[in-house]
Amino acid sequence: MSTIGAFIPARYAATRFPAKLMQQLGDKTVIRHTYDNAKATGLFDEVYVVTDSDIIYQEIISNGGKAIMSIKTHESGSDRIAEAIEHLDIDIVVNIQGDEPFVKRAPLEKVLDCFKDPSVQVASLMQVLENPASIADPNYVKVAVDKKMNALFFSRSVIPYLRDASVAPIYYEHVGVYAFKKQALINFTNWPMSPLEAAEKIECLRYLENGVGIRMAITDYMGVEIDTPEDLIKAAQLLNK
């Protein structure tokens, strides 16, 4: 039986919206909503917040949760989690973004189901993208997949490019929930940044460039990801519904 852990990387000093994870959303902070909802899925043997911030660490610990303080400075959430899991007895690691307060069971179950195929080392989620403005927007990372739902490429550009207007391709947006076998994540952090990753600023391209496939699962709406003060207002409206 595999041991499955959810890890929530949580940085205090976010570039676009500093201290966003400690903003109040209803009766709890954003990071506590994310933590509590991840636990409430019942999918994980352990749930941890992994942080470089005393404030976030205390917020979780003082409310009965589990948190791990990062020792080193890290470029990405993946690096932060890799340090945290090094000495933990865990088989499958799920990376849940700290700014996803409405995390629910169904999408996480889909990403974990990918590991029923023993060849899968890394899995992630995507959703259908229909709005032409979003398809063209470089802030929306697009993914193209093969017939077995393995990622072929991730890009901020429009993929596929529509050369033949009589064709109706499906566009998928990459949703930033990942799951990894423990060793796959540790390997990732030991590889240097790859050329396509450096160009696109999409870290999962490092797996593809090193020959490690990513199995994708389709999910529906994931809620509001909080990147800006406006997103926090949208999240509050969603919570009130």
C-alpha atoms as a PDB file:
ATOM      1  CA  MET A   1       0.000   0.000   0.000  1.00  0.00           C
ATOM      2  CA  SER A   2       1.517   3.331  -1.060  1.00  0.00           C
ATOM      3  CA  THR A   3       1.963   6.096   1.491  1.00  0.00           C
ATOM      4  CA  ILE A   4       0.510   9.319   0.050  1.00  0.00           C
ATOM      5  CA  GLY A   5       1.332  12.779   1.355  1.00  0.00           C
ATOM      6  CA  ALA A   6      -0.011  16.208   0.419  1.00  0.00           C
ATOM      7  CA  PHE A   7       2.512  19.043   0.648  1.00  0.00           C
ATOM      8  CA  ILE A   8       1.511  22.691   0.407  1.00  0.00           C
ATOM      9  CA  PRO A   9       4.467  24.980  -0.398  1.00  0.00           C
ATOM     10  CA  ALA A  10       3.777  28.343   1.234  1.00  0.00           C
ATOM     11  CA  ARG A  11       5.909  31.439   0.659  1.00  0.00           C
ATOM     12  CA  TYR A  12       5.097  34.613   2.589  1.00  0.00           C
ATOM     13  CA  ALA A  13       6.642  37.122   0.177  1.00  0.00           C
ATOM     14  CA  ALA A  14       4.634  36.523  -3.018  1.00  0.00           C
ATOM     15  CA  THR A  15       5.683  38.945  -5.772  1.00  0.00           C
ATOM     16  CA  ARG A  16       2.269  40.040  -7.057  1.00  0.00           C
ATOM     17  CA  PHE A  17       0.386  39.958  -3.735  1.00  0.00           C
ATOM     18  CA  PRO A  18       2.678  39.900  -0.663  1.00  0.00           C
ATOM     19  CA  ALA A  19       1.310  37.984   2.366  1.00  0.00           C
ATOM     20  CA  LYS A  20      -1.609  36.679   0.277  1.00  0.00           C
ATOM     21  CA  LEU A  21      -1.664  33.346   2.132  1.00  0.00           C
ATOM     22  CA  MET A  22      -2.249  35.142   5.431  1.00  0.00           C
ATOM     23  CA  GLN A  23      -5.168  37.209   4.117  1.00  0.00           C
ATOM     24  CA  GLN A  24      -8.487  36.633   5.868  1.00  0.00           C
ATOM     25  CA  LEU A  25     -11.066  34.735   3.797  1.00  0.00           C
ATOM     26  CA  GLY A  26     -14.275  34.367   5.786  1.00  0.00           C
ATOM     27  CA  ASP A  27     -13.383  33.018   9.228  1.00  0.00           C
ATOM     28  CA  LYS A  28      -9.906  31.680   8.307  1.00  0.00           C
ATOM     29  CA  THR A  29      -6.743  32.694   6.477  1.00  0.00           C
ATOM     30  CA  VAL A  30      -6.228  31.539   2.865  1.00  0.00           C
ATOM     31  CA  ILE A  31      -3.525  29.031   3.863  1.00  0.00           C
ATOM     32  CA  ARG A  32      -5.739  27.462   6.534  1.00  0.00           C
ATOM     33  CA  HIS A  33      -8.580  27.001   4.045  1.00  0.00           C
ATOM     34  CA  THR A  34      -6.136  25.230   1.705  1.00  0.00           C
ATOM     35  CA  TYR A  35      -4.742  23.030   4.502  1.00  0.00           C
ATOM     36  CA  ASP A  36      -8.127  22.150   6.027  1.00  0.00           C
ATOM     37  CA  ASN A  37      -9.692  21.374   2.639  1.00  0.00           C
ATOM     38  CA  ALA A  38      -6.741  19.172   1.635  1.00  0.00           C
ATOM     39  CA  LYS A  39      -7.155  17.209   4.888  1.00  0.00           C
ATOM     40  CA  ALA A  40     -10.928  17.021   4.437  1.00  0.00           C
ATOM     41  CA  THR A  41     -10.508  15.112   1.144  1.00  0.00           C
ATOM     42  CA  GLY A  42      -9.484  12.027   3.158  1.00  0.00           C
ATOM     43  CA  LEU A  43      -7.045  11.034   0.383  1.00  0.00           C
ATOM     44  CA  PHE A  44      -3.790  11.562   2.269  1.00  0.00           C
ATOM     45  CA  ASP A  45      -1.912   9.778   5.042  1.00  0.00           C
ATOM     46  CA  GLU A  46      -0.315  13.125   5.956  1.00  0.00           C
ATOM     47  CA  VAL A  47      -0.837  16.788   5.003  1.00  0.00           C
ATOM     48  CA  TYR A  48       1.947  19.329   5.586  1.00  0.00           C
ATOM     49  CA  VAL A  49       2.471  23.004   4.876  1.00  0.00           C
ATOM     50  CA  VAL A  50       6.114  23.580   3.866  1.00  0.00           C
ATOM     51  CA  THR A  51       7.187  27.167   4.434  1.00  0.00           C
ATOM     52  CA  ASP A  52      10.050  29.635   4.883  1.00  0.00           C
ATOM     53  CA  SER A  53       7.873  31.857   7.074  1.00  0.00           C
ATOM     54  CA  ASP A  54       7.576  31.797  10.877  1.00  0.00           C
ATOM     55  CA  ILE A  55       4.213  33.544  10.546  1.00  0.00           C
ATOM     56  CA  ILE A  56       2.742  30.845   8.262  1.00  0.00           C
ATOM     57  CA  TYR A  57       4.368  28.056  10.321  1.00  0.00           C
ATOM     58  CA  GLN A  58       2.767  29.358  13.529  1.00  0.00           C
ATOM     59  CA  GLU A  59      -0.590  29.875  11.802  1.00  0.00           C
ATOM     60  CA  ILE A  60      -0.737  26.166  10.914  1.00  0.00           C
ATOM     61  CA  ILE A  61       0.814  24.706  14.086  1.00  0.00           C
ATOM     62  CA  SER A  62      -1.255  26.849  16.472  1.00  0.00           C
ATOM     63  CA  ASN A  63      -4.433  25.608  14.764  1.00  0.00           C
ATOM     64  CA  GLY A  64      -3.539  21.934  15.139  1.00  0.00           C
ATOM     65  CA  GLY A  65      -2.013  21.397  11.700  1.00  0.00           C
ATOM     66  CA  LYS A  66       1.376  20.063  10.584  1.00  0.00           C
ATOM     67  CA  ALA A  67       4.060  22.281   9.079  1.00  0.00           C
ATOM     68  CA  ILE A  68       7.721  21.934   8.103  1.00  0.00           C
ATOM     69  CA  MET A  69      10.150  24.870   8.061  1.00  0.00           C
ATOM     70  CA  SER A  70      12.430  25.012   5.009  1.00  0.00           C
ATOM     71  CA  ILE A  71      16.127  25.093   5.857  1.00  0.00           C
ATOM     72  CA  LYS A  72      17.421  26.440   2.532  1.00  0.00           C
ATOM     73  CA  THR A  73      16.177  29.169   0.187  1.00  0.00           C
ATOM     74  CA  HIS A  74      14.281  27.660  -2.742  1.00  0.00           C
ATOM     75  CA  GLU A  75      13.467  28.775  -6.279  1.00  0.00           C
ATOM     76  CA  SER A  76      10.248  26.785  -6.531  1.00  0.00           C
ATOM     77  CA  GLY A  77       7.634  24.869  -4.573  1.00  0.00           C
ATOM     78  CA  SER A  78       9.014  21.611  -5.995  1.00  0.00           C
ATOM     79  CA  ASP A  79      12.458  22.345  -4.516  1.00  0.00           C
ATOM     80  CA  ARG A  80      10.869  23.258  -1.166  1.00  0.00           C
ATOM     81  CA  ILE A  81       8.910  19.979  -1.066  1.00  0.00           C
ATOM     82  CA  ALA A  82      11.910  17.890  -2.184  1.00  0.00           C
ATOM     83  CA  GLU A  83      13.887  19.135   0.833  1.00  0.00           C
ATOM     84  CA  ALA A  84      10.954  18.369   3.168  1.00  0.00           C
ATOM     85  CA  ILE A  85      10.411  14.778   1.951  1.00  0.00           C
ATOM     86  CA  GLU A  86      14.049  13.686   1.808  1.00  0.00           C
ATOM     87  CA  HIS A  87      13.879  11.802   5.139  1.00  0.00           C
ATOM     88  CA  LEU A  88      10.137  11.053   5.196  1.00  0.00           C
ATOM     89  CA  ASP A  89       8.788   7.566   4.470  1.00  0.00           C
ATOM     90  CA  ILE A  90       6.480   8.467   1.580  1.00  0.00           C
ATOM     91  CA  ASP A  91       5.791   6.943  -1.848  1.00  0.00           C
ATOM     92  CA  ILE A  92       3.578   9.463  -3.664  1.00  0.00           C
ATOM     93  CA  VAL A  93       3.836  13.201  -3.122  1.00  0.00           C
ATOM     94  CA  VAL A  94       1.044  15.610  -4.110  1.00  0.00           C
ATOM     95  CA  ASN A  95       1.926  19.303  -4.489  1.00  0.00           C
ATOM     96  CA  ILE A  96      -1.099  21.503  -3.708  1.00  0.00           C
ATOM     97  CA  GLN A  97      -0.645  25.243  -4.239  1.00  0.00           C
ATOM     98  CA  GLY A  98      -1.111  27.288  -1.051  1.00  0.00           C
ATOM     99  CA  ASP A  99      -3.235  29.841  -2.893  1.00  0.00           C
ATOM    100  CA  GLU A 100      -5.914  27.266  -3.903  1.00  0.00           C
ATOM    101  CA  PRO A 101      -8.296  27.577  -0.909  1.00  0.00           C
ATOM    102  CA  PHE A 102     -11.156  25.639  -2.568  1.00  0.00           C
ATOM    103  CA  VAL A 103      -9.202  22.437  -3.182  1.00  0.00           C
ATOM    104  CA  LYS A 104     -11.601  19.467  -3.414  1.00  0.00           C
ATOM    105  CA  ARG A 105     -11.464  15.691  -3.459  1.00  0.00           C
ATOM    106  CA  ALA A 106     -12.516  14.874  -7.056  1.00  0.00           C
ATOM    107  CA  PRO A 107      -9.613  16.530  -8.960  1.00  0.00           C
ATOM    108  CA  LEU A 108      -7.022  15.190  -6.499  1.00  0.00           C
ATOM    109  CA  GLU A 109      -8.497  11.703  -6.815  1.00  0.00           C
ATOM    110  CA  LYS A 110      -8.113  11.949 -10.614  1.00  0.00           C
ATOM    111  CA  VAL A 111      -4.441  12.845 -10.368  1.00  0.00           C
ATOM    112  CA  LEU A 112      -3.801   9.993  -7.899  1.00  0.00           C
ATOM    113  CA  ASP A 113      -5.658   7.521 -10.156  1.00  0.00           C
ATOM    114  CA  CYS A 114      -2.916   8.072 -12.762  1.00  0.00           C
ATOM    115  CA  PHE A 115      -0.562   6.024 -10.544  1.00  0.00           C
ATOM    116  CA  LYS A 116      -2.676   2.901 -11.067  1.00  0.00           C
ATOM    117  CA  ASP A 117      -0.437   2.623 -14.145  1.00  0.00           C
ATOM    118  CA  PRO A 118       2.884   1.603 -12.509  1.00  0.00           C
ATOM    119  CA  SER A 119       4.894   3.262 -15.302  1.00  0.00           C
ATOM    120  CA  VAL A 120       3.678   6.753 -14.266  1.00  0.00           C
ATOM    121  CA  GLN A 121       6.283   8.805 -12.410  1.00  0.00           C
ATOM    122  CA  VAL A 122       4.629  12.248 -12.567  1.00  0.00           C
ATOM    123  CA  ALA A 123       0.971  13.254 -13.017  1.00  0.00           C
ATOM    124  CA  SER A 124      -0.847  16.559 -13.285  1.00  0.00           C
ATOM    125  CA  LEU A 125      -4.207  18.132 -14.117  1.00  0.00           C
ATOM    126  CA  MET A 126      -5.635  20.139 -16.991  1.00  0.00           C
ATOM    127  CA  GLN A 127      -8.980  21.692 -17.820  1.00  0.00           C
ATOM    128  CA  VAL A 128     -10.639  22.562 -21.132  1.00  0.00           C
ATOM    129  CA  LEU A 129     -10.023  26.174 -22.148  1.00  0.00           C
ATOM    130  CA  GLU A 130     -12.785  27.708 -24.285  1.00  0.00           C
ATOM    131  CA  ASN A 131     -12.441  31.494 -23.974  1.00  0.00           C
ATOM    132  CA  PRO A 132     -10.400  32.744 -27.017  1.00  0.00           C
ATOM    133  CA  ALA A 133      -8.856  35.535 -24.898  1.00  0.00           C
ATOM    134  CA  SER A 134      -7.632  32.983 -22.331  1.00  0.00           C
ATOM    135  CA  ILE A 135      -6.288  30.682 -25.069  1.00  0.00           C
ATOM    136  CA  ALA A 136      -4.222  33.611 -26.417  1.00  0.00           C
ATOM    137  CA  ASP A 137      -3.142  34.826 -22.942  1.00  0.00           C
ATOM    138  CA  PRO A 138       0.471  33.813 -22.049  1.00  0.00           C
ATOM    139  CA  ASN A 139      -0.514  33.718 -18.349  1.00  0.00           C
ATOM    140  CA  TYR A 140      -2.566  30.607 -19.181  1.00  0.00           C
ATOM    141  CA  VAL A 141      -0.185  27.684 -19.660  1.00  0.00           C
ATOM    142  CA  LYS A 142      -1.468  25.378 -22.394  1.00  0.00           C
ATOM    143  CA  VAL A 143      -0.719  21.669 -22.707  1.00  0.00           C
ATOM    144  CA  ALA A 144      -0.963  19.279 -25.662  1.00  0.00           C
ATOM    145  CA  VAL A 145      -1.357  15.553 -24.975  1.00  0.00           C
ATOM    146  CA  ASP A 146      -1.078  12.266 -26.869  1.00  0.00           C
ATOM    147  CA  LYS A 147      -3.795   9.580 -27.104  1.00  0.00           C
ATOM    148  CA  LYS A 148      -2.700   8.055 -23.790  1.00  0.00           C
ATOM    149  CA  MET A 149      -2.996  11.449 -22.034  1.00  0.00           C
ATOM    150  CA  ASN A 150       0.761  11.937 -21.737  1.00  0.00           C
ATOM    151  CA  ALA A 151       1.893  15.550 -22.062  1.00  0.00           C
ATOM    152  CA  LEU A 152       3.631  16.304 -25.350  1.00  0.00           C
ATOM    153  CA  PHE A 153       4.426  19.946 -24.568  1.00  0.00           C
ATOM    154  CA  PHE A 154       3.518  22.827 -22.269  1.00  0.00           C
ATOM    155  CA  SER A 155       3.576  26.386 -23.583  1.00  0.00           C
ATOM    156  CA  ARG A 156       2.443  29.937 -22.965  1.00  0.00           C
ATOM    157  CA  SER A 157       1.898  30.146 -26.729  1.00  0.00           C
ATOM    158  CA  VAL A 158      -1.256  28.835 -28.373  1.00  0.00           C
ATOM    159  CA  ILE A 159      -0.845  25.076 -28.855  1.00  0.00           C
ATOM    160  CA  PRO A 160      -1.961  23.662 -31.180  1.00  0.00           C
ATOM    161  CA  TYR A 161      -1.641  26.529 -33.671  1.00  0.00           C
ATOM    162  CA  LEU A 162      -4.803  26.565 -35.812  1.00  0.00           C
ATOM    163  CA  ARG A 163      -3.567  26.576 -39.408  1.00  0.00           C
ATOM    164  CA  ASP A 164      -6.700  24.899 -40.797  1.00  0.00           C
ATOM    165  CA  ALA A 165      -9.862  26.759 -39.752  1.00  0.00           C
ATOM    166  CA  SER A 166     -12.028  23.718 -40.573  1.00  0.00           C
ATOM    167  CA  VAL A 167     -10.481  21.803 -37.638  1.00  0.00           C
ATOM    168  CA  ALA A 168     -11.795  22.273 -34.105  1.00  0.00           C
ATOM    169  CA  PRO A 169      -8.965  21.414 -31.685  1.00  0.00           C
ATOM    170  CA  ILE A 170      -9.481  21.129 -27.928  1.00  0.00           C
ATOM    171  CA  TYR A 171      -7.351  23.547 -25.921  1.00  0.00           C
ATOM    172  CA  TYR A 172      -6.274  22.513 -22.441  1.00  0.00           C
ATOM    173  CA  GLU A 173      -5.016  24.726 -19.635  1.00  0.00           C
ATOM    174  CA  HIS A 174      -2.476  23.208 -17.277  1.00  0.00           C
ATOM    175  CA  VAL A 175      -3.765  23.309 -13.691  1.00  0.00           C
ATOM    176  CA  GLY A 176      -0.894  23.548 -11.206  1.00  0.00           C
ATOM    177  CA  VAL A 177      -1.582  20.423  -9.143  1.00  0.00           C
ATOM    178  CA  TYR A 178       1.186  17.829  -9.442  1.00  0.00           C
ATOM    179  CA  ALA A 179       1.771  14.371  -8.034  1.00  0.00           C
ATOM    180  CA  PHE A 180       5.118  12.581  -8.120  1.00  0.00           C
ATOM    181  CA  LYS A 181       6.748   9.389  -7.034  1.00  0.00           C
ATOM    182  CA  LYS A 182       9.225  10.487  -4.374  1.00  0.00           C
ATOM    183  CA  GLN A 183      12.378   9.669  -6.358  1.00  0.00           C
ATOM    184  CA  ALA A 184      11.086  11.453  -9.485  1.00  0.00           C
ATOM    185  CA  LEU A 185      10.772  14.695  -7.521  1.00  0.00           C
ATOM    186  CA  ILE A 186      14.207  14.313  -5.922  1.00  0.00           C
ATOM    187  CA  ASN A 187      15.716  13.638  -9.385  1.00  0.00           C
ATOM    188  CA  PHE A 188      13.998  16.788 -10.726  1.00  0.00           C
ATOM    189  CA  THR A 189      15.645  19.010  -8.136  1.00  0.00           C
ATOM    190  CA  ASN A 190      19.076  17.563  -8.934  1.00  0.00           C
ATOM    191  CA  TRP A 191      18.800  18.378 -12.646  1.00  0.00           C
ATOM    192  CA  PRO A 192      19.812  21.861 -13.852  1.00  0.00           C
ATOM    193  CA  MET A 193      17.156  24.101 -15.366  1.00  0.00           C
ATOM    194  CA  SER A 194      16.531  22.866 -18.914  1.00  0.00           C
ATOM    195  CA  PRO A 195      16.560  25.096 -22.048  1.00  0.00           C
ATOM    196  CA  LEU A 196      12.806  24.931 -22.803  1.00  0.00           C
ATOM    197  CA  GLU A 197      12.002  25.501 -19.128  1.00  0.00           C
ATOM    198  CA  ALA A 198      14.258  28.575 -19.118  1.00  0.00           C
ATOM    199  CA  ALA A 199      12.560  29.940 -22.256  1.00  0.00           C
ATOM    200  CA  GLU A 200       8.934  29.329 -21.225  1.00  0.00           C
ATOM    201  CA  LYS A 201       9.370  29.650 -17.429  1.00  0.00           C
ATOM    202  CA  ILE A 202       7.355  26.422 -17.000  1.00  0.00           C
ATOM    203  CA  GLU A 203       9.151  24.068 -14.632  1.00  0.00           C
ATOM    204  CA  CYS A 204       7.413  20.817 -15.687  1.00  0.00           C
ATOM    205  CA  LEU A 205       9.220  21.073 -19.053  1.00  0.00           C
ATOM    206  CA  ARG A 206      12.333  19.953 -17.126  1.00  0.00           C
ATOM    207  CA  TYR A 207      10.741  16.500 -16.733  1.00  0.00           C
ATOM    208  CA  LEU A 208       9.929  16.222 -20.450  1.00  0.00           C
ATOM    209  CA  GLU A 209      13.417  17.388 -21.455  1.00  0.00           C
ATOM    210  CA  ASN A 210      14.927  14.707 -19.224  1.00  0.00           C
ATOM    211  CA  GLY A 211      12.738  11.981 -20.761  1.00  0.00           C
ATOM    212  CA  VAL A 212      10.247  11.653 -17.879  1.00  0.00           C
ATOM    213  CA  GLY A 213       6.643  11.625 -19.060  1.00  0.00           C
ATOM    214  CA  ILE A 214       3.797  13.461 -17.330  1.00  0.00           C
ATOM    215  CA  ARG A 215       0.395  11.744 -17.321  1.00  0.00           C
ATOM    216  CA  MET A 216      -2.459  14.274 -17.485  1.00  0.00           C
ATOM    217  CA  ALA A 217      -6.001  13.978 -16.134  1.00  0.00           C
ATOM    218  CA  ILE A 218      -8.913  16.252 -17.086  1.00  0.00           C
ATOM    219  CA  THR A 219     -10.627  18.142 -14.299  1.00  0.00           C
ATOM    220  CA  ASP A 220     -13.404  20.688 -14.214  1.00  0.00           C
ATOM    221  CA  TYR A 221     -13.374  24.085 -12.489  1.00  0.00           C
ATOM    222  CA  MET A 222     -10.871  24.238  -9.622  1.00  0.00           C
ATOM    223  CA  GLY A 223     -12.173  27.373  -7.864  1.00  0.00           C
ATOM    224  CA  VAL A 224     -10.241  30.632  -7.509  1.00  0.00           C
ATOM    225  CA  GLU A 225      -6.450  30.751  -7.376  1.00  0.00           C
ATOM    226  CA  ILE A 226      -5.449  33.816  -5.363  1.00  0.00           C
ATOM    227  CA  ASP A 227      -2.767  35.827  -7.165  1.00  0.00           C
ATOM    228  CA  THR A 228      -4.129  39.365  -6.717  1.00  0.00           C
ATOM    229  CA  PRO A 229      -6.337  41.358  -4.291  1.00  0.00           C
ATOM    230  CA  GLU A 230      -9.110  41.079  -6.915  1.00  0.00           C
ATOM    231  CA  ASP A 231      -8.879  37.279  -6.728  1.00  0.00           C
ATOM    232  CA  LEU A 232      -9.373  37.492  -2.959  1.00  0.00           C
ATOM    233  CA  ILE A 233     -12.628  39.422  -3.526  1.00  0.00           C
ATOM    234  CA  LYS A 234     -13.777  36.740  -6.025  1.00  0.00           C
ATOM    235  CA  ALA A 235     -12.875  34.019  -3.500  1.00  0.00           C
ATOM    236  CA  ALA A 236     -14.897  35.760  -0.781  1.00  0.00           C
ATOM    237  CA  GLN A 237     -17.908  35.916  -3.115  1.00  0.00           C
ATOM    238  CA  LEU A 238     -17.531  32.210  -3.903  1.00  0.00           C
ATOM    239  CA  LEU A 239     -17.275  31.377  -0.192  1.00  0.00           C
ATOM    240  CA  ASN A 240     -20.441  33.358   0.558  1.00  0.00           C
ATOM    241  CA  LYS A 241     -22.355  31.338  -2.057  1.00  0.00           C
END
